[in-house]
Protein backbone atom coordinates (compact mmCIF):
# COMPACT_ATOMS: atom_id res chain seq x y z
CA UNK A 1 50.76 -6.36 34.60
CA UNK A 2 50.20 -2.58 34.42
CA UNK A 3 52.05 -2.40 31.10
CA UNK A 4 49.76 -5.05 29.59
CA UNK A 5 46.68 -3.21 30.88
CA UNK A 6 47.95 0.07 29.39
CA UNK A 7 48.57 -1.62 26.04
CA UNK A 8 45.05 -3.06 26.03
CA UNK A 9 43.52 0.36 26.84
CA UNK A 10 45.56 2.05 24.10
CA UNK A 11 44.50 -0.68 21.64
CA UNK A 12 40.82 -0.18 22.50
CA UNK A 13 41.22 3.60 22.16
CA UNK A 14 42.84 3.23 18.71
CA UNK A 15 40.14 0.76 17.59
CA UNK A 16 37.35 3.18 18.65
CA UNK A 17 39.14 5.99 16.80
CA UNK A 18 39.38 3.95 13.59
CA UNK A 19 35.68 3.03 13.81
CA UNK A 20 34.75 6.72 14.29
CA UNK A 21 36.88 7.75 11.29
CA UNK A 22 35.31 5.06 9.12
CA UNK A 23 31.83 6.22 10.14
CA UNK A 24 32.65 9.84 9.30
CA UNK A 25 34.15 8.86 5.96
CA UNK A 26 30.94 7.05 5.00
CA UNK A 27 28.60 9.82 6.23
CA UNK A 28 30.52 12.85 4.98
CA UNK A 29 31.79 11.22 1.81
CA UNK A 30 28.23 10.29 0.83
CA UNK A 31 29.29 6.69 0.32
CA UNK A 32 26.52 4.15 0.06
CA UNK A 33 27.29 0.75 1.44
CA UNK A 34 24.09 -0.89 0.21
CA UNK A 35 24.70 -0.08 -3.44
CA UNK A 36 22.56 1.94 -5.77
CA UNK A 37 18.91 1.50 -5.00
CA UNK A 38 16.09 3.03 -6.96
CA UNK A 39 15.77 3.69 -10.67
CA UNK A 40 17.38 6.15 -13.08
CA UNK A 41 15.59 8.70 -15.26
CA UNK A 42 17.27 11.14 -17.63
CA UNK A 43 16.79 14.85 -18.31
CA UNK A 44 18.45 17.15 -20.86
CA UNK A 45 19.31 20.74 -19.91
CA UNK A 46 20.76 23.67 -21.86
CA UNK A 47 23.17 24.17 -18.91
CA UNK A 48 23.88 22.44 -15.61
CA UNK A 49 26.31 25.10 -14.35
CA UNK A 50 27.52 24.30 -10.84
CA UNK A 51 25.72 20.98 -10.45
CA UNK A 52 27.87 18.06 -9.25
CA UNK A 53 27.58 14.29 -9.03
CA UNK A 54 25.79 13.32 -5.85
CA UNK A 55 23.80 16.56 -5.55
CA UNK A 56 20.27 15.94 -4.27
CA UNK A 57 17.08 15.50 -6.26
CA UNK A 58 14.10 16.90 -4.37
CA UNK A 59 10.33 17.05 -4.57
CA UNK A 60 8.70 19.74 -2.39
CA UNK A 61 11.94 20.13 -0.40
CA UNK A 62 12.24 16.42 0.39
CA UNK A 63 15.26 14.51 -0.90
CA UNK A 64 14.11 11.66 -3.14
CA UNK A 65 17.30 10.88 -5.03
CA UNK A 66 20.62 12.13 -6.31
CA UNK A 67 22.43 13.15 -9.48
CA UNK A 68 24.14 9.99 -10.67
CA UNK A 69 25.65 11.06 -14.00
CA UNK A 70 26.40 14.20 -15.98
CA UNK A 71 27.27 13.99 -19.66
CA UNK A 72 26.67 15.44 -23.10
CA UNK A 73 23.86 14.47 -25.47
CA UNK A 74 24.07 16.38 -28.74
CA UNK A 75 24.24 20.04 -27.68
CA UNK A 76 22.66 19.51 -24.26
CA UNK A 77 23.82 18.38 -20.86
CA UNK A 78 22.21 15.06 -19.92
CA UNK A 79 21.67 14.24 -16.26
CA UNK A 80 21.05 10.76 -14.92
CA UNK A 81 18.88 11.08 -11.80
CA UNK A 82 18.63 8.13 -9.42
CA UNK A 83 15.23 8.24 -7.71
CA UNK A 84 14.03 6.10 -4.80
CA UNK A 85 11.82 3.14 -5.75
CA UNK A 86 8.93 4.39 -3.60
CA UNK A 87 8.72 7.64 -5.65
CA UNK A 88 6.62 7.40 -8.80
CA UNK A 89 7.25 10.16 -11.36
CA UNK A 90 4.53 11.10 -13.82
CA UNK A 91 5.41 11.41 -17.48
CA UNK A 92 4.84 15.20 -17.41
CA UNK A 93 7.01 16.17 -14.42
CA UNK A 94 9.24 19.25 -14.72
CA UNK A 95 12.90 19.11 -13.63
CA UNK A 96 14.68 22.37 -12.82
CA UNK A 97 18.08 23.17 -11.39
CA UNK A 98 17.93 25.43 -8.35
CA UNK A 99 20.34 26.89 -5.81
CA UNK A 100 19.98 27.35 -2.08
CA UNK A 101 20.41 31.09 -1.70
CA UNK A 102 22.36 33.30 -4.08
CA UNK A 103 25.52 31.19 -4.24
CA UNK A 104 24.37 28.06 -2.42
CA UNK A 105 24.58 24.41 -3.31
CA UNK A 106 22.71 23.30 -6.41
CA UNK A 107 20.00 20.66 -6.52
CA UNK A 108 17.45 19.31 -8.98
CA UNK A 109 13.85 20.18 -8.14
CA UNK A 110 11.16 17.95 -9.61
CA UNK A 111 7.68 19.45 -9.86
CA UNK A 112 5.04 16.71 -9.99
CA UNK A 113 2.84 16.35 -13.04
CA UNK A 114 -0.78 15.35 -13.49
CA UNK A 115 -0.46 12.55 -16.03
CA UNK A 116 -1.71 9.03 -15.33
CA UNK A 117 1.30 7.58 -17.13
CA UNK A 118 4.47 7.03 -15.09
CA UNK A 119 8.15 7.23 -16.05
CA UNK A 120 9.96 3.96 -15.65
CA UNK A 121 13.64 3.16 -15.32
CA UNK A 122 15.52 4.72 -18.23
CA UNK A 123 12.66 7.14 -18.94
CA UNK A 124 13.26 10.75 -19.97
CA UNK A 125 11.92 13.92 -18.36
CA UNK A 126 10.90 16.13 -21.27
CA UNK A 127 10.29 19.47 -19.52
CA UNK A 128 13.40 21.02 -17.96
CA UNK A 129 14.51 24.45 -16.74
CA UNK A 130 18.21 25.36 -16.64
CA UNK A 131 19.60 27.60 -13.91
CA UNK A 132 19.91 31.31 -14.68
CA UNK A 133 23.44 32.46 -15.51
CA UNK A 134 24.31 34.84 -12.64
CA UNK A 135 27.12 36.54 -14.60
CA UNK A 136 24.78 37.23 -17.50
CA UNK A 137 22.11 38.65 -15.18
CA UNK A 138 24.63 40.93 -13.46
CA UNK A 139 25.94 42.07 -16.86
CA UNK A 140 22.41 42.97 -17.97
CA UNK A 141 21.72 44.78 -14.71
CA UNK A 142 24.94 46.81 -14.94
CA UNK A 143 24.38 47.45 -18.65
CA UNK A 144 20.87 48.72 -18.01
CA UNK A 145 19.10 45.97 -19.99
CA UNK A 146 16.95 45.04 -16.99
CA UNK A 147 15.65 48.56 -16.33
CA UNK A 148 11.85 48.91 -16.54
CA UNK A 149 10.50 50.17 -19.86
CA UNK A 150 9.16 53.36 -18.25
CA UNK A 151 12.64 54.18 -16.93
CA UNK A 152 14.26 53.74 -20.39
CA UNK A 153 12.29 56.62 -22.01
């Protein structure tokens, strides 16, 4: 009788552990069980250095979507951005790639526009800003290219 009770308790403990692991895998792995909701818009950038699939898309610091695809289009990097259905993007929004802190995670910041026309699914954001190249900036700083004009005399 005690052996059967012990086996049942161990079974319940293992089952709870498996459920906890599955929950963590979904939450930390950024898996979405309900499928892809929202609509996709595209934006071309000169560089998307450091940006990864699944990185957030934000408006005013609020997450409104994620980076769904990264590819090449001619000589530019093309991002597919999945945006929540409730968010309506104007035709003249600006998309820029930003970092949290000096070497933090990257995200796409969308600055709202003023147009009355909206981007629909498959639409393209025309105005984009690529992230600054940190190595290039450091090279210019060390090389003296960023010194003020008055200091270069």
